[in-house]
C-alpha atoms as a PDB file:
ATOM      1  CA  MET A   1      41.642   3.261  -6.105  1.00  0.00           C
ATOM      2  CA  THR A   2      38.684   1.479  -7.859  1.00  0.00           C
ATOM      3  CA  ASP A   3      35.248   3.166  -8.166  1.00  0.00           C
ATOM      4  CA  GLN A   4      33.940   0.680  -5.489  1.00  0.00           C
ATOM      5  CA  ALA A   5      36.669   1.484  -3.210  1.00  0.00           C
ATOM      6  CA  LYS A   6      36.082   5.140  -3.623  1.00  0.00           C
ATOM      7  CA  GLU A   7      32.361   4.676  -3.007  1.00  0.00           C
ATOM      8  CA  LYS A   8      33.078   2.659   0.145  1.00  0.00           C
ATOM      9  CA  SER A   9      35.690   5.179   1.360  1.00  0.00           C
ATOM     10  CA  SER A  10      33.073   8.169   0.807  1.00  0.00           C
ATOM     11  CA  ARG A  11      30.427   6.373   2.955  1.00  0.00           C
ATOM     12  CA  THR A  12      29.967   8.227   6.216  1.00  0.00           C
ATOM     13  CA  GLU A  13      29.124   6.896   9.708  1.00  0.00           C
ATOM     14  CA  LEU A  14      25.561   7.975   8.979  1.00  0.00           C
ATOM     15  CA  ASP A  15      25.387   5.859   5.722  1.00  0.00           C
ATOM     16  CA  ARG A  16      26.402   2.898   7.500  1.00  0.00           C
ATOM     17  CA  LEU A  17      23.884   3.378  10.281  1.00  0.00           C
ATOM     18  CA  ILE A  18      21.089   3.988   7.629  1.00  0.00           C
ATOM     19  CA  GLU A  19      22.029   0.563   6.059  1.00  0.00           C
ATOM     20  CA  ASP A  20      21.802  -1.127   9.504  1.00  0.00           C
ATOM     21  CA  PHE A  21      18.410   0.477  10.037  1.00  0.00           C
ATOM     22  CA  LEU A  22      17.305  -0.760   6.596  1.00  0.00           C
ATOM     23  CA  GLU A  23      18.394  -4.314   7.416  1.00  0.00           C
ATOM     24  CA  HIS A  24      16.336  -3.879  10.747  1.00  0.00           C
ATOM     25  CA  LEU A  25      13.216  -2.971   8.746  1.00  0.00           C
ATOM     26  CA  GLU A  26      13.806  -6.040   6.482  1.00  0.00           C
ATOM     27  CA  ILE A  27      14.658  -8.627   9.042  1.00  0.00           C
ATOM     28  CA  GLU A  28      12.970  -7.581  12.419  1.00  0.00           C
ATOM     29  CA  ARG A  29       9.898  -5.440  11.175  1.00  0.00           C
ATOM     30  CA  GLN A  30       9.548  -7.557   8.073  1.00  0.00           C
ATOM     31  CA  SER A  31       8.616  -4.374   6.171  1.00  0.00           C
ATOM     32  CA  SER A  32       7.834  -4.704   2.365  1.00  0.00           C
ATOM     33  CA  PRO A  33      10.493  -4.142  -0.383  1.00  0.00           C
ATOM     34  CA  LEU A  34       8.627  -0.985  -1.471  1.00  0.00           C
ATOM     35  CA  THR A  35       8.726   0.376   2.116  1.00  0.00           C
ATOM     36  CA  ILE A  36      12.526  -0.374   2.405  1.00  0.00           C
ATOM     37  CA  ARG A  37      13.290   1.120  -1.085  1.00  0.00           C
ATOM     38  CA  ASN A  38      11.460   4.373  -0.047  1.00  0.00           C
ATOM     39  CA  TYR A  39      13.114   4.659   3.234  1.00  0.00           C
ATOM     40  CA  ARG A  40      16.354   4.112   1.434  1.00  0.00           C
ATOM     41  CA  HIS A  41      15.552   6.967  -0.995  1.00  0.00           C
ATOM     42  CA  TYR A  42      14.156   9.396   1.955  1.00  0.00           C
ATOM     43  CA  LEU A  43      17.087   8.709   4.177  1.00  0.00           C
ATOM     44  CA  GLY A  44      19.827   8.867   1.388  1.00  0.00           C
ATOM     45  CA  ARG A  45      18.338  12.318   0.344  1.00  0.00           C
ATOM     46  CA  PHE A  46      18.905  13.560   3.902  1.00  0.00           C
ATOM     47  CA  SER A  47      22.437  12.097   4.300  1.00  0.00           C
ATOM     48  CA  ASN A  48      23.417  13.633   0.811  1.00  0.00           C
ATOM     49  CA  TRP A  49      21.980  17.042   1.887  1.00  0.00           C
ATOM     50  CA  LEU A  50      24.097  16.885   4.938  1.00  0.00           C
ATOM     51  CA  LYS A  51      27.288  16.121   2.835  1.00  0.00           C
ATOM     52  CA  ARG A  52      26.534  18.906   0.198  1.00  0.00           C
ATOM     53  CA  ASN A  53      26.151  21.512   3.064  1.00  0.00           C
ATOM     54  CA  SER A  54      29.291  20.391   4.753  1.00  0.00           C
ATOM     55  CA  PHE A  55      27.627  19.092   7.770  1.00  0.00           C
ATOM     56  CA  LYS A  56      29.110  16.228   9.810  1.00  0.00           C
ATOM     57  CA  ALA A  57      27.166  13.120   8.711  1.00  0.00           C
ATOM     58  CA  LYS A  58      26.917  11.360  11.969  1.00  0.00           C
ATOM     59  CA  PRO A  59      24.128  10.946  14.489  1.00  0.00           C
ATOM     60  CA  SER A  60      25.392  13.245  17.173  1.00  0.00           C
ATOM     61  CA  SER A  61      25.437  16.220  14.792  1.00  0.00           C
ATOM     62  CA  ILE A  62      21.676  15.980  14.009  1.00  0.00           C
ATOM     63  CA  ASP A  63      19.971  18.846  15.861  1.00  0.00           C
ATOM     64  CA  LEU A  64      16.762  21.047  15.550  1.00  0.00           C
ATOM     65  CA  GLU A  65      18.503  23.659  13.513  1.00  0.00           C
ATOM     66  CA  LYS A  66      19.639  21.196  10.842  1.00  0.00           C
ATOM     67  CA  ILE A  67      16.254  19.595  10.628  1.00  0.00           C
ATOM     68  CA  LYS A  68      14.705  23.004  10.288  1.00  0.00           C
ATOM     69  CA  LYS A  69      16.964  23.800   7.447  1.00  0.00           C
ATOM     70  CA  TYR A  70      16.414  20.476   5.814  1.00  0.00           C
ATOM     71  CA  ARG A  71      12.546  20.942   5.812  1.00  0.00           C
ATOM     72  CA  VAL A  72      13.125  24.412   4.166  1.00  0.00           C
ATOM     73  CA  TYR A  73      15.198  22.463   1.531  1.00  0.00           C
ATOM     74  CA  LEU A  74      12.221  19.839   1.099  1.00  0.00           C
ATOM     75  CA  ALA A  75       9.785  22.596   0.723  1.00  0.00           C
ATOM     76  CA  ARG A  76      11.730  24.486  -1.985  1.00  0.00           C
ATOM     77  CA  PHE A  77      13.107  21.282  -3.770  1.00  0.00           C
ATOM     78  CA  SER A  78      11.921  20.866  -7.343  1.00  0.00           C
ATOM     79  CA  ALA A  79      12.372  17.946  -9.681  1.00  0.00           C
ATOM     80  CA  PRO A  80      14.079  18.334 -13.117  1.00  0.00           C
ATOM     81  CA  ASN A  81      10.622  19.029 -14.634  1.00  0.00           C
ATOM     82  CA  GLY A  82      10.122  21.892 -12.120  1.00  0.00           C
ATOM     83  CA  GLN A  83       7.660  20.172 -10.069  1.00  0.00           C
ATOM     84  CA  LEU A  84       7.708  20.698  -6.189  1.00  0.00           C
ATOM     85  CA  LEU A  85       7.262  17.957  -3.662  1.00  0.00           C
ATOM     86  CA  SER A  86       3.885  17.717  -2.349  1.00  0.00           C
ATOM     87  CA  ARG A  87       3.220  18.175   1.384  1.00  0.00           C
ATOM     88  CA  SER A  88       2.520  14.524   1.898  1.00  0.00           C
ATOM     89  CA  THR A  89       5.819  13.598   0.178  1.00  0.00           C
ATOM     90  CA  GLN A  90       7.599  16.035   2.485  1.00  0.00           C
ATOM     91  CA  ALA A  91       5.917  14.422   5.415  1.00  0.00           C
ATOM     92  CA  TYR A  92       6.988  10.914   4.238  1.00  0.00           C
ATOM     93  CA  HIS A  93      10.685  12.171   4.233  1.00  0.00           C
ATOM     94  CA  VAL A  94      10.133  13.474   7.950  1.00  0.00           C
ATOM     95  CA  ILE A  95       8.426  10.267   8.958  1.00  0.00           C
ATOM     96  CA  ALA A  96      11.340   8.170   7.669  1.00  0.00           C
ATOM     97  CA  LEU A  97      13.783  10.523   9.498  1.00  0.00           C
ATOM     98  CA  ARG A  98      11.920  10.098  12.868  1.00  0.00           C
ATOM     99  CA  SER A  99      11.840   6.338  12.524  1.00  0.00           C
ATOM    100  CA  PHE A 100      15.515   6.344  11.884  1.00  0.00           C
ATOM    101  CA  LEU A 101      16.187   8.693  14.960  1.00  0.00           C
ATOM    102  CA  ARG A 102      13.933   6.484  17.037  1.00  0.00           C
ATOM    103  CA  TRP A 103      15.932   3.447  16.070  1.00  0.00           C
ATOM    104  CA  LEU A 104      19.257   5.228  16.717  1.00  0.00           C
ATOM    105  CA  VAL A 105      18.100   6.190  20.296  1.00  0.00           C
ATOM    106  CA  LYS A 106      16.961   2.568  21.055  1.00  0.00           C
ATOM    107  CA  ASN A 107      20.367   1.360  19.883  1.00  0.00           C
ATOM    108  CA  ASP A 108      22.175   3.807  22.251  1.00  0.00           C
ATOM    109  CA  HIS A 109      23.381   6.193  19.628  1.00  0.00           C
ATOM    110  CA  GLN A 110      23.549   9.921  20.823  1.00  0.00           C
ATOM    111  CA  THR A 111      21.232  11.940  18.546  1.00  0.00           C
ATOM    112  CA  LEU A 112      18.213  14.172  18.533  1.00  0.00           C
ATOM    113  CA  ALA A 113      15.214  12.825  20.384  1.00  0.00           C
ATOM    114  CA  PRO A 114      12.636  11.814  17.714  1.00  0.00           C
ATOM    115  CA  GLU A 115       9.617  13.337  19.461  1.00  0.00           C
ATOM    116  CA  LYS A 116      11.296  16.814  18.978  1.00  0.00           C
ATOM    117  CA  VAL A 117      10.674  16.568  15.280  1.00  0.00           C
ATOM    118  CA  ASP A 118       7.126  17.588  14.481  1.00  0.00           C
ATOM    119  CA  LEU A 119       5.325  16.172  11.317  1.00  0.00           C
ATOM    120  CA  PRO A 120       4.467  18.834   8.709  1.00  0.00           C
ATOM    121  CA  LYS A 121       0.630  19.265   8.141  1.00  0.00           C
ATOM    122  CA  SER A 122      -0.503  17.101   5.618  1.00  0.00           C
ATOM    123  CA  GLU A 123      -2.703  18.013   2.761  1.00  0.00           C
ATOM    124  CA  SER A 124      -6.534  17.108   3.362  1.00  0.00           C
ATOM    125  CA  ARG A 125      -7.399  14.491   0.935  1.00  0.00           C
ATOM    126  CA  SER A 126     -10.809  13.342   0.121  1.00  0.00           C
ATOM    127  CA  LEU A 127     -11.223   9.558   0.385  1.00  0.00           C
ATOM    128  CA  LYS A 128     -12.030   7.970  -3.044  1.00  0.00           C
ATOM    129  CA  PHE A 129     -14.489   5.114  -3.014  1.00  0.00           C
ATOM    130  CA  LEU A 130     -17.228   3.736  -5.222  1.00  0.00           C
ATOM    131  CA  SER A 131     -20.941   3.616  -4.520  1.00  0.00           C
ATOM    132  CA  THR A 132     -22.857   0.343  -4.601  1.00  0.00           C
ATOM    133  CA  GLU A 133     -24.039   1.145  -8.169  1.00  0.00           C
ATOM    134  CA  GLN A 134     -20.638   2.013  -9.297  1.00  0.00           C
ATOM    135  CA  VAL A 135     -19.271  -1.091  -7.704  1.00  0.00           C
ATOM    136  CA  GLU A 136     -21.674  -3.181  -9.833  1.00  0.00           C
ATOM    137  CA  ARG A 137     -21.114  -1.429 -12.990  1.00  0.00           C
ATOM    138  CA  PHE A 138     -17.264  -1.729 -12.458  1.00  0.00           C
ATOM    139  CA  LEU A 139     -17.491  -5.500 -11.663  1.00  0.00           C
ATOM    140  CA  ALA A 140     -19.546  -6.110 -14.735  1.00  0.00           C
ATOM    141  CA  GLN A 141     -17.050  -4.916 -17.225  1.00  0.00           C
ATOM    142  CA  PRO A 142     -14.848  -7.999 -17.848  1.00  0.00           C
ATOM    143  CA  LEU A 143     -16.132 -10.519 -20.363  1.00  0.00           C
ATOM    144  CA  PRO A 144     -16.090 -13.943 -18.798  1.00  0.00           C
ATOM    145  CA  SER A 145     -16.530 -15.611 -22.099  1.00  0.00           C
ATOM    146  CA  LYS A 146     -12.911 -14.871 -22.709  1.00  0.00           C
ATOM    147  CA  LYS A 147      -9.871 -16.436 -20.724  1.00  0.00           C
ATOM    148  CA  THR A 148      -8.600 -13.039 -19.920  1.00  0.00           C
ATOM    149  CA  GLY A 149     -11.892 -11.651 -18.962  1.00  0.00           C
ATOM    150  CA  LEU A 150     -12.455 -14.729 -16.714  1.00  0.00           C
ATOM    151  CA  ARG A 151      -9.306 -14.157 -15.008  1.00  0.00           C
ATOM    152  CA  ASP A 152      -9.836 -10.452 -14.622  1.00  0.00           C
ATOM    153  CA  LYS A 153     -13.342 -11.070 -13.360  1.00  0.00           C
ATOM    154  CA  ALA A 154     -12.085 -13.387 -10.635  1.00  0.00           C
ATOM    155  CA  ILE A 155      -9.435 -10.674  -9.717  1.00  0.00           C
ATOM    156  CA  LEU A 156     -11.957  -7.820  -9.359  1.00  0.00           C
ATOM    157  CA  GLU A 157     -14.453  -9.907  -7.406  1.00  0.00           C
ATOM    158  CA  THR A 158     -11.605 -11.146  -5.030  1.00  0.00           C
ATOM    159  CA  LEU A 159     -10.388  -7.455  -4.476  1.00  0.00           C
ATOM    160  CA  PHE A 160     -13.773  -6.157  -3.574  1.00  0.00           C
ATOM    161  CA  SER A 161     -14.777  -9.241  -1.412  1.00  0.00           C
ATOM    162  CA  THR A 162     -11.509  -9.225   0.557  1.00  0.00           C
ATOM    163  CA  GLY A 163     -10.201  -5.629   0.650  1.00  0.00           C
ATOM    164  CA  LEU A 164      -6.751  -6.919   0.008  1.00  0.00           C
ATOM    165  CA  ARG A 165      -3.868  -4.734  -0.863  1.00  0.00           C
ATOM    166  CA  VAL A 166      -2.677  -5.354  -4.465  1.00  0.00           C
ATOM    167  CA  SER A 167       0.735  -6.573  -3.062  1.00  0.00           C
ATOM    168  CA  GLU A 168      -1.127  -9.245  -0.922  1.00  0.00           C
ATOM    169  CA  LEU A 169      -3.239 -10.235  -3.996  1.00  0.00           C
ATOM    170  CA  VAL A 170      -0.462 -11.069  -6.345  1.00  0.00           C
ATOM    171  CA  ARG A 171       1.369 -13.152  -3.655  1.00  0.00           C
ATOM    172  CA  LEU A 172      -1.534 -15.541  -3.434  1.00  0.00           C
ATOM    173  CA  SER A 173      -0.974 -19.007  -4.397  1.00  0.00           C
ATOM    174  CA  ARG A 174      -3.678 -21.783  -5.274  1.00  0.00           C
ATOM    175  CA  ASP A 175      -3.053 -23.889  -2.048  1.00  0.00           C
ATOM    176  CA  GLN A 176      -3.740 -20.890   0.154  1.00  0.00           C
ATOM    177  CA  ILE A 177      -7.375 -20.570  -0.994  1.00  0.00           C
ATOM    178  CA  ASP A 178     -10.041 -22.536   0.779  1.00  0.00           C
ATOM    179  CA  LEU A 179     -13.084 -22.200  -1.435  1.00  0.00           C
ATOM    180  CA  LYS A 180     -15.251 -24.461   0.645  1.00  0.00           C
ATOM    181  CA  ARG A 181     -14.770 -22.493   3.873  1.00  0.00           C
ATOM    182  CA  ARG A 182     -14.442 -19.161   1.756  1.00  0.00           C
ATOM    183  CA  GLU A 183     -11.516 -17.904   3.793  1.00  0.00           C
ATOM    184  CA  PHE A 184      -7.854 -17.857   3.741  1.00  0.00           C
ATOM    185  CA  GLY A 185      -4.957 -16.331   5.589  1.00  0.00           C
ATOM    186  CA  VAL A 186      -2.505 -13.701   4.375  1.00  0.00           C
ATOM    187  CA  ILE A 187       0.638 -11.962   5.771  1.00  0.00           C
ATOM    188  CA  GLY A 188       0.271  -8.165   5.439  1.00  0.00           C
ATOM    189  CA  LYS A 189       2.353  -5.159   6.244  1.00  0.00           C
ATOM    190  CA  GLY A 190       4.821  -5.583   8.993  1.00  0.00           C
ATOM    191  CA  GLY A 191       4.527  -9.401   8.874  1.00  0.00           C
ATOM    192  CA  ARG A 192       0.822  -9.285  10.530  1.00  0.00           C
ATOM    193  CA  ALA A 193      -1.208 -12.242   9.681  1.00  0.00           C
ATOM    194  CA  ARG A 194      -4.933 -12.100   9.108  1.00  0.00           C
ATOM    195  CA  VAL A 195      -7.926 -14.015   7.801  1.00  0.00           C
ATOM    196  CA  VAL A 196      -9.919 -12.663   4.852  1.00  0.00           C
ATOM    197  CA  PHE A 197     -13.225 -13.811   3.672  1.00  0.00           C
ATOM    198  CA  LEU A 198     -14.647 -14.555   0.144  1.00  0.00           C
ATOM    199  CA  SER A 199     -18.167 -13.737  -0.814  1.00  0.00           C
ATOM    200  CA  GLU A 200     -20.161 -16.443  -2.577  1.00  0.00           C
ATOM    201  CA  ARG A 201     -19.821 -14.529  -5.710  1.00  0.00           C
ATOM    202  CA  ALA A 202     -16.150 -14.314  -5.518  1.00  0.00           C
ATOM    203  CA  VAL A 203     -15.953 -17.983  -4.887  1.00  0.00           C
ATOM    204  CA  LYS A 204     -18.085 -18.772  -7.905  1.00  0.00           C
ATOM    205  CA  TRP A 205     -15.867 -16.654 -10.225  1.00  0.00           C
ATOM    206  CA  LEU A 206     -12.608 -17.992  -8.817  1.00  0.00           C
ATOM    207  CA  LYS A 207     -13.929 -21.509  -9.202  1.00  0.00           C
ATOM    208  CA  LYS A 208     -14.772 -20.937 -12.801  1.00  0.00           C
ATOM    209  CA  TYR A 209     -11.354 -19.337 -13.470  1.00  0.00           C
ATOM    210  CA  LEU A 210      -9.409 -22.218 -11.805  1.00  0.00           C
ATOM    211  CA  ASP A 211     -11.631 -24.774 -13.532  1.00  0.00           C
ATOM    212  CA  ASN A 212     -10.576 -23.206 -16.828  1.00  0.00           C
ATOM    213  CA  ARG A 213      -6.896 -23.209 -16.064  1.00  0.00           C
ATOM    214  CA  GLU A 214      -4.947 -25.945 -17.882  1.00  0.00           C
ATOM    215  CA  ASP A 215      -1.901 -25.791 -15.728  1.00  0.00           C
ATOM    216  CA  ASN A 216      -0.849 -26.863 -12.262  1.00  0.00           C
ATOM    217  CA  TRP A 217       1.188 -23.833 -11.503  1.00  0.00           C
ATOM    218  CA  LYS A 218       1.353 -22.468  -8.003  1.00  0.00           C
ATOM    219  CA  PRO A 219       0.336 -18.797  -8.412  1.00  0.00           C
ATOM    220  CA  LEU A 220      -3.336 -18.044  -8.093  1.00  0.00           C
ATOM    221  CA  PHE A 221      -3.252 -15.259 -10.796  1.00  0.00           C
ATOM    222  CA  ILE A 222      -1.093 -15.664 -13.760  1.00  0.00           C
ATOM    223  CA  ARG A 223      -0.448 -13.839 -17.087  1.00  0.00           C
ATOM    224  CA  LEU A 224      -2.031 -15.492 -20.232  1.00  0.00           C
ATOM    225  CA  GLY A 225      -0.412 -15.783 -23.499  1.00  0.00           C
ATOM    226  CA  GLY A 226       3.307 -15.626 -24.397  1.00  0.00           C
ATOM    227  CA  SER A 227       5.760 -18.437 -23.676  1.00  0.00           C
ATOM    228  CA  GLN A 228       4.400 -21.284 -21.676  1.00  0.00           C
ATOM    229  CA  LYS A 229       7.850 -22.956 -21.159  1.00  0.00           C
ATOM    230  CA  VAL A 230       8.461 -22.002 -17.598  1.00  0.00           C
ATOM    231  CA  GLU A 231       9.533 -23.810 -14.501  1.00  0.00           C
ATOM    232  CA  GLU A 232       7.409 -26.469 -12.758  1.00  0.00           C
ATOM    233  CA  THR A 233       5.962 -23.937 -10.148  1.00  0.00           C
ATOM    234  CA  GLY A 234       5.170 -21.315 -12.827  1.00  0.00           C
ATOM    235  CA  GLU A 235       6.417 -18.486 -10.669  1.00  0.00           C
ATOM    236  CA  LYS A 236       7.446 -16.638 -13.859  1.00  0.00           C
ATOM    237  CA  MET A 237       3.857 -16.511 -14.888  1.00  0.00           C
ATOM    238  CA  ARG A 238       2.637 -14.787 -11.628  1.00  0.00           C
ATOM    239  CA  LEU A 239       1.039 -11.531 -12.278  1.00  0.00           C
ATOM    240  CA  THR A 240       2.815  -8.534 -10.853  1.00  0.00           C
ATOM    241  CA  ALA A 241       1.224  -5.711  -8.927  1.00  0.00           C
ATOM    242  CA  ARG A 242       1.660  -3.323 -11.838  1.00  0.00           C
ATOM    243  CA  SER A 243      -0.179  -5.751 -13.968  1.00  0.00           C
ATOM    244  CA  VAL A 244      -3.126  -5.822 -11.695  1.00  0.00           C
ATOM    245  CA  GLN A 245      -3.161  -2.030 -11.486  1.00  0.00           C
ATOM    246  CA  ARG A 246      -3.289  -1.905 -15.386  1.00  0.00           C
ATOM    247  CA  ILE A 247      -6.241  -4.459 -15.379  1.00  0.00           C
ATOM    248  CA  VAL A 248      -8.117  -2.355 -12.955  1.00  0.00           C
ATOM    249  CA  ASP A 249      -7.394   0.861 -14.746  1.00  0.00           C
ATOM    250  CA  LYS A 250      -8.574  -0.865 -18.017  1.00  0.00           C
ATOM    251  CA  TYR A 251     -12.066  -1.613 -16.642  1.00  0.00           C
ATOM    252  CA  SER A 252     -12.249   1.730 -14.847  1.00  0.00           C
ATOM    253  CA  ARG A 253     -12.134   3.431 -18.201  1.00  0.00           C
ATOM    254  CA  LYS A 254     -14.351   1.035 -19.665  1.00  0.00           C
ATOM    255  CA  ALA A 255     -17.123   1.679 -17.082  1.00  0.00           C
ATOM    256  CA  LYS A 256     -16.610   5.375 -17.535  1.00  0.00           C
ATOM    257  CA  LEU A 257     -16.856   6.062 -13.815  1.00  0.00           C
ATOM    258  CA  PRO A 258     -16.333   9.636 -12.211  1.00  0.00           C
ATOM    259  CA  VAL A 259     -13.687   8.226  -9.895  1.00  0.00           C
ATOM    260  CA  LYS A 260     -10.525   6.708 -11.208  1.00  0.00           C
ATOM    261  CA  VAL A 261     -10.421   3.258  -9.808  1.00  0.00           C
ATOM    262  CA  THR A 262      -7.201   1.659  -8.622  1.00  0.00           C
ATOM    263  CA  PRO A 263      -6.852  -1.519  -6.348  1.00  0.00           C
ATOM    264  CA  HIS A 264      -6.573   0.877  -3.265  1.00  0.00           C
ATOM    265  CA  VAL A 265      -9.829   2.475  -4.107  1.00  0.00           C
ATOM    266  CA  ILE A 266     -11.421  -0.855  -4.343  1.00  0.00           C
ATOM    267  CA  ARG A 267     -10.066  -1.479  -0.884  1.00  0.00           C
ATOM    268  CA  HIS A 268     -11.671   1.858   0.310  1.00  0.00           C
ATOM    269  CA  SER A 269     -14.919   0.706  -1.280  1.00  0.00           C
ATOM    270  CA  PHE A 270     -14.741  -2.575   0.585  1.00  0.00           C
ATOM    271  CA  ALA A 271     -14.217  -0.831   3.812  1.00  0.00           C
ATOM    272  CA  THR A 272     -16.713   1.796   3.383  1.00  0.00           C
ATOM    273  CA  ASP A 273     -19.436  -0.773   2.246  1.00  0.00           C
ATOM    274  CA  LEU A 274     -18.910  -2.774   5.507  1.00  0.00           C
ATOM    275  CA  LEU A 275     -19.132   0.320   7.797  1.00  0.00           C
ATOM    276  CA  ILE A 276     -22.138   1.843   6.026  1.00  0.00           C
ATOM    277  CA  ALA A 277     -23.781  -1.697   6.512  1.00  0.00           C
ATOM    278  CA  GLY A 278     -23.183  -1.280  10.201  1.00  0.00           C
ATOM    279  CA  ALA A 279     -20.049  -3.355  10.691  1.00  0.00           C
ATOM    280  CA  ASP A 280     -18.083  -2.615  13.903  1.00  0.00           C
ATOM    281  CA  ILE A 281     -14.923  -0.524  13.112  1.00  0.00           C
ATOM    282  CA  ARG A 282     -12.647  -2.972  15.143  1.00  0.00           C
ATOM    283  CA  ALA A 283     -13.750  -5.814  12.842  1.00  0.00           C
ATOM    284  CA  VAL A 284     -13.118  -3.656   9.851  1.00  0.00           C
ATOM    285  CA  GLN A 285      -9.605  -2.832  11.245  1.00  0.00           C
ATOM    286  CA  GLU A 286      -8.880  -6.561  11.464  1.00  0.00           C
ATOM    287  CA  MET A 287     -10.169  -7.327   8.068  1.00  0.00           C
ATOM    288  CA  LEU A 288      -7.892  -4.634   6.372  1.00  0.00           C
ATOM    289  CA  GLY A 289      -4.975  -5.470   8.461  1.00  0.00           C
ATOM    290  CA  HIS A 290      -4.393  -2.099   9.953  1.00  0.00           C
ATOM    291  CA  LYS A 291      -1.997  -1.916  12.906  1.00  0.00           C
ATOM    292  CA  ASN A 292      -3.750   1.124  14.485  1.00  0.00           C
ATOM    293  CA  ILE A 293      -7.463   1.988  14.681  1.00  0.00           C
ATOM    294  CA  GLN A 294      -6.516   5.527  13.762  1.00  0.00           C
ATOM    295  CA  THR A 295      -5.801   4.388  10.267  1.00  0.00           C
ATOM    296  CA  THR A 296      -9.312   2.692  10.076  1.00  0.00           C
ATOM    297  CA  GLN A 297     -10.922   5.827  11.301  1.00  0.00           C
ATOM    298  CA  ILE A 298     -10.482   7.802   8.175  1.00  0.00           C
ATOM    299  CA  TYR A 299     -13.429   5.785   6.836  1.00  0.00           C
ATOM    300  CA  THR A 300     -15.728   7.143   9.586  1.00  0.00           C
ATOM    301  CA  HIS A 301     -15.792  10.557   8.051  1.00  0.00           C
ATOM    302  CA  VAL A 302     -17.422   9.100   4.891  1.00  0.00           C
ATOM    303  CA  THR A 303     -19.785   6.919   6.887  1.00  0.00           C
ATOM    304  CA  ASN A 304     -20.650   9.721   9.148  1.00  0.00           C
ATOM    305  CA  ARG A 305     -21.635  11.794   6.157  1.00  0.00           C
ATOM    306  CA  GLN A 306     -23.713   9.069   4.817  1.00  0.00           C
ATOM    307  CA  LEU A 307     -25.643   8.585   7.961  1.00  0.00           C
ATOM    308  CA  ARG A 308     -26.267  12.495   8.198  1.00  0.00           C
ATOM    309  CA  ASN A 309     -27.829  12.137   4.713  1.00  0.00           C
ATOM    310  CA  VAL A 310     -30.060   9.391   5.806  1.00  0.00           C
ATOM    311  CA  HIS A 311     -31.018  11.368   8.872  1.00  0.00           C
ATOM    312  CA  GLU A 312     -31.951  14.415   6.899  1.00  0.00           C
ATOM    313  CA  MET A 313     -33.962  12.314   4.351  1.00  0.00           C
ATOM    314  CA  PHE A 314     -36.014  10.278   6.812  1.00  0.00           C
ATOM    315  CA  HIS A 315     -35.954  11.816  10.418  1.00  0.00           C
ATOM    316  CA  GLY A 316     -39.001  13.764  11.554  1.00  0.00           C
ATOM    317  CA  LYS A 317     -40.752  13.393   8.194  1.00  0.00           C
ATOM    318  CA  GLY A 318     -43.910  11.842  10.043  1.00  0.00           C
ATOM    319  CA  ARG A 319     -44.462  14.987  12.079  1.00  0.00           C
END
């Protein structure tokens, strides 16, 4: 028997259903490749745990007792370097499992009701964002006199102006961007479409960057240098999400800010800036592309604190 045949024969009913569920995420839910990869990892770990403990790996065998034992396993699991799983990572495993159970029930498979699986309490995390002064300091770091600096300046201004996820930014193409109207459409998580807006400053730097380009390639943001012998569309020159993360980190260190800046911190800063200025939370939800208002409400804790500070500084001072 070949290795491939052995692998196929060792696949359980649960493994096959997990694959069907992942296809559902890809086709029906239009989940991102990263989400699908993570769900494959989380559900694969659960399936392997069942096998190692000689449990039947099929939907009808999943019960609360097994879930309880699996959560103990996650809490005690340590990587080769001895590091334990964080509470948030444990929660992601359980969230993936609940989503899978929900899909099984919807498709008439006999299994544990997903609502019976409680989520673990997550670690309280402080929301990281930049103040107005820190944003300005950060955005001032690239040197636009150089080609790379001009591109990077356009990237940073676009991120802060739109609140885009890094995955959305790197998918942008030239023909998407309407510099005159200062707006364009993007497809975000779950295939949800939304319109995002560019500030006059972002348009200024994008225009300078594009005017400086000597190619007609499709991608909006490209890597510079290296071999220029690529296909007509220039897709091979498109910047990756990892490249943008490195660019942001480079200028974060250069600015010597107390907060480690990532593309997501810029997104947090975008949302916080809008809410502090008085924007309606529903409007901010639309601009961020959040499916649920609860996701956007994490920012209100920050803005409420800002308002409290204003109240303490100014209220009743005339009495």
